Protein backbone atom coordinates (compact mmCIF):
# COMPACT_ATOMS: atom_id res chain seq x y z
CA MET A 1 81.58 104.59 86.72
CA LEU A 2 82.23 102.80 90.30
CA CYS A 3 84.56 100.25 88.52
CA LEU A 4 86.61 103.01 86.87
CA LEU A 5 86.81 105.07 90.16
CA ASN A 6 87.86 101.74 91.99
CA ASN A 7 90.34 101.15 89.47
CA MET A 8 91.87 104.64 89.80
CA LEU A 9 92.00 104.31 93.54
CA LYS A 10 94.22 101.42 93.36
CA PRO A 11 97.90 101.51 94.11
CA LYS A 12 100.11 101.51 90.93
CA LEU A 13 102.37 98.42 90.68
CA LEU A 14 105.14 97.93 87.96
CA LEU A 15 105.21 94.15 87.43
CA HIS A 16 108.63 93.04 85.76
CA THR A 17 107.58 90.12 83.62
CA CYS A 18 110.25 87.52 81.99
CA CYS A 19 107.64 86.18 79.76
CA ILE A 20 103.69 86.39 79.37
CA GLY A 21 103.43 82.65 80.32
CA CYS A 22 104.46 83.69 83.68
CA GLY A 23 103.12 87.22 83.59
CA ALA A 24 99.39 86.16 82.80
CA HIS A 25 99.13 84.10 85.99
CA VAL A 26 100.63 86.58 88.26
CA PHE A 27 98.35 89.37 86.75
CA GLN A 28 95.45 87.37 87.44
CA LYS A 29 96.65 86.85 91.20
CA ILE A 30 97.03 90.58 91.79
CA LYS A 31 94.72 92.51 89.38
CA ASP A 32 92.06 93.22 91.91
CA ASP A 33 94.48 94.88 94.31
CA TYR A 34 96.61 96.91 91.87
CA LYS A 35 96.57 99.04 88.83
CA ILE A 36 99.34 97.09 86.81
CA ILE A 37 101.84 98.15 84.44
CA LEU A 38 103.80 95.34 82.78
CA TYR A 39 107.54 95.88 82.53
CA PHE A 40 109.39 93.59 79.86
CA PHE A 41 113.12 94.11 80.39
CA ASN A 42 115.17 91.08 79.93
CA PRO A 43 118.66 91.63 78.35
CA ASN A 44 119.66 88.18 79.46
CA ILE A 45 117.56 86.54 76.71
CA TYR A 46 119.55 84.88 73.88
CA PRO A 47 119.40 84.76 70.84
CA ARG A 48 117.80 88.05 69.77
CA GLU A 49 115.18 86.05 67.91
CA GLU A 50 113.99 84.36 71.30
CA TYR A 51 113.87 87.94 72.89
CA ASP A 52 111.84 89.22 70.12
CA LYS A 53 109.38 86.08 70.31
CA ARG A 54 108.87 86.61 74.00
CA ALA A 55 108.57 90.39 73.66
CA ALA A 56 105.95 90.22 70.73
CA GLU A 57 103.82 87.62 72.62
CA THR A 58 103.88 90.07 75.78
CA GLU A 59 102.73 93.00 73.65
CA GLN A 60 100.06 90.92 72.04
CA ILE A 61 98.67 89.64 75.25
CA ALA A 62 99.00 93.24 76.93
CA LYS A 63 96.89 94.60 74.01
CA ASP A 64 94.37 91.75 74.46
CA MET A 65 93.93 92.29 78.02
CA ASN A 66 94.21 96.17 77.83
CA LEU A 67 97.10 96.23 80.06
CA GLU A 68 99.85 99.05 79.93
CA LEU A 69 103.09 97.69 78.90
CA VAL A 70 106.57 99.10 78.90
CA VAL A 71 109.21 97.27 76.96
CA GLY A 72 112.83 98.03 78.14
CA GLU A 73 115.85 98.28 75.72
CA TYR A 74 117.41 95.01 74.64
CA GLN A 75 120.81 95.28 76.31
CA HIS A 76 122.48 91.80 75.97
CA HIS A 77 126.00 93.13 75.85
CA GLU A 78 125.77 94.98 79.11
CA TRP A 79 124.42 91.60 80.52
CA GLN A 80 127.33 89.74 79.00
CA LYS A 81 129.69 92.16 80.64
CA LEU A 82 128.16 91.81 83.96
CA THR A 83 128.23 88.01 83.80
CA LYS A 84 131.63 87.64 82.19
CA GLY A 85 133.67 84.70 83.57
CA LEU A 86 130.60 83.00 84.96
CA ALA A 87 129.41 80.84 82.00
CA PHE A 88 129.72 77.49 84.08
CA GLU A 89 127.77 78.72 87.27
CA PRO A 90 124.97 76.40 88.00
CA GLU A 91 121.43 77.69 87.62
CA GLY A 92 120.50 79.86 90.54
CA GLY A 93 124.23 80.55 91.13
CA LYS A 94 126.14 83.96 91.01
CA ARG A 95 125.42 84.59 87.48
CA CYS A 96 121.78 84.31 88.12
CA GLU A 97 121.88 86.76 91.19
CA ILE A 98 123.72 89.20 89.03
CA CYS A 99 120.92 88.70 86.43
CA TYR A 100 118.10 89.27 88.98
CA ALA A 101 119.78 92.26 90.34
CA LEU A 102 120.14 93.92 86.99
CA ARG A 103 116.59 93.36 85.87
CA LEU A 104 115.16 94.40 89.20
CA THR A 105 117.27 97.33 89.53
CA LYS A 106 115.92 98.67 86.06
CA ALA A 107 112.27 97.70 87.36
CA ALA A 108 112.80 99.80 90.48
CA LEU A 109 114.00 102.69 88.55
CA LYS A 110 111.26 102.51 86.11
CA ALA A 111 108.63 102.16 88.82
CA LYS A 112 110.04 105.21 90.39
CA GLU A 113 109.94 107.06 86.93
CA LEU A 114 106.38 106.11 86.48
CA SER A 115 105.28 107.11 89.98
CA CYS A 116 104.35 103.59 90.91
CA ASN A 117 103.76 102.75 94.53
CA LYS A 118 105.26 99.27 94.27
CA PHE A 119 107.22 97.11 92.05
CA ALA A 120 107.35 93.34 91.79
CA THR A 121 108.56 90.48 89.49
CA THR A 122 107.24 87.24 88.05
CA LEU A 123 110.71 85.63 88.26
CA THR A 124 109.82 83.83 91.57
CA ILE A 125 107.28 81.58 89.65
CA SER A 126 109.89 79.31 88.11
CA PRO A 127 110.60 76.19 90.07
CA HIS A 128 114.28 76.86 89.08
CA LYS A 129 114.53 80.32 90.73
CA LYS A 130 115.38 81.01 94.34
CA ALA A 131 112.52 83.32 95.60
CA GLU A 132 114.54 84.11 98.80
CA ALA A 133 117.49 85.50 96.67
CA ILE A 134 115.26 87.35 94.26
CA ASN A 135 113.21 88.88 97.18
CA ASN A 136 116.57 89.90 99.05
CA ILE A 137 117.57 91.79 96.04
CA GLY A 138 113.94 93.38 95.79
CA ARG A 139 113.87 94.59 99.38
CA SER A 140 117.26 95.87 99.08
CA LEU A 141 116.36 97.93 96.08
CA ALA A 142 113.21 99.11 97.88
CA VAL A 143 115.33 100.76 100.55
CA ASN A 144 117.78 102.17 98.23
CA TYR A 145 115.31 103.71 95.67
CA GLY A 146 112.50 104.48 98.30
CA ILE A 147 109.76 102.39 96.63
CA GLU A 148 107.92 99.37 98.12
CA TYR A 149 108.80 95.94 96.72
CA LEU A 150 106.15 93.19 96.69
CA ASP A 151 107.57 90.12 98.11
CA SER A 152 106.45 86.87 96.28
CA ASP A 153 106.97 83.24 95.72
CA TRP A 154 104.33 82.73 92.89
CA LYS A 155 105.26 79.07 92.48
CA LYS A 156 103.72 78.18 95.81
CA GLN A 157 100.36 76.67 96.22
CA GLY A 158 100.49 75.40 92.75
CA GLY A 159 101.15 78.85 90.98
CA PHE A 160 103.62 77.21 88.52
CA GLN A 161 101.37 74.53 87.42
CA GLU A 162 98.62 77.21 87.14
CA SER A 163 100.82 79.36 84.96
CA CYS A 164 101.34 76.23 82.81
CA ARG A 165 97.66 75.64 82.58
CA LEU A 166 96.82 79.14 81.89
CA SER A 167 99.50 79.11 79.13
CA ARG A 168 97.91 76.20 77.34
CA GLU A 169 94.50 77.89 77.76
CA LEU A 170 95.64 81.03 76.09
CA ASN A 171 97.70 79.16 73.61
CA LEU A 172 100.89 80.83 74.87
CA TYR A 173 104.54 79.98 74.00
CA ARG A 174 106.40 78.06 76.86
CA GLN A 175 110.09 78.27 76.45
CA ASN A 176 112.05 75.30 77.39
CA TYR A 177 115.19 77.31 79.04
CA CYS A 178 115.41 80.46 81.21
CA GLY A 179 116.71 82.73 78.57
CA CYS A 180 120.33 83.15 78.54
CA GLU A 181 122.85 81.41 76.16
CA PHE A 182 124.16 79.32 79.15
CA SER A 183 120.80 78.15 80.28
CA LEU A 184 120.20 77.32 76.39
CA ARG A 185 123.38 75.38 76.39
CA ASP A 186 122.62 73.41 79.65
CA MET A 187 119.18 72.63 78.24
CA LEU A 188 120.40 71.27 74.94
CA LEU A 189 123.00 69.06 77.18
CA ARG A 190 120.10 67.75 79.11
CA GLU A 191 118.21 66.84 76.00
CA GLN A 192 121.29 65.26 74.61
CA LYS A 193 121.77 63.15 77.68
CA LYS A 194 118.17 62.03 77.52
CA LYS A 195 118.66 60.66 74.05
CA LEU A 196 121.86 58.54 75.02
């Protein structure tokens, strides 16, 4: 009874997750402080089969861990319109910042809709993502929408390595590219160069 009451008193946090391999570790880090709702909204992911794979695994782990999960609509065409002309931007460049802003905006709006106290994202766990850029967007959205944003750099203090370890332990899928067709292209080019 005390545990149930304690959980009811925790602030509610919407955690945008790009994949459950990252989400599971971040959830473990903050579960004692927040009542967490996972939010899977990733219109950047390509192809659709990859998106479905990541979404299905997130749904399965949420069910296994008894977590509330909201799955956003797959809006890849919207993402493509926003990033048009940026195919050759480097990882972490302008295209990525637009992508972060799109996903975090939807997360902030969903958090408001669900009467959450805060929102956060797992994006900063990747060593390829600029936490400063992501957090700047999150803080700006917090002001715009009147909801708190939880600053993070989940990769610090071995966070990325721990997410990999937890993924192995839970037998989770670990993708080898961020998600969009351009990051897939770049990963395939790197793989080709290794073979030469």
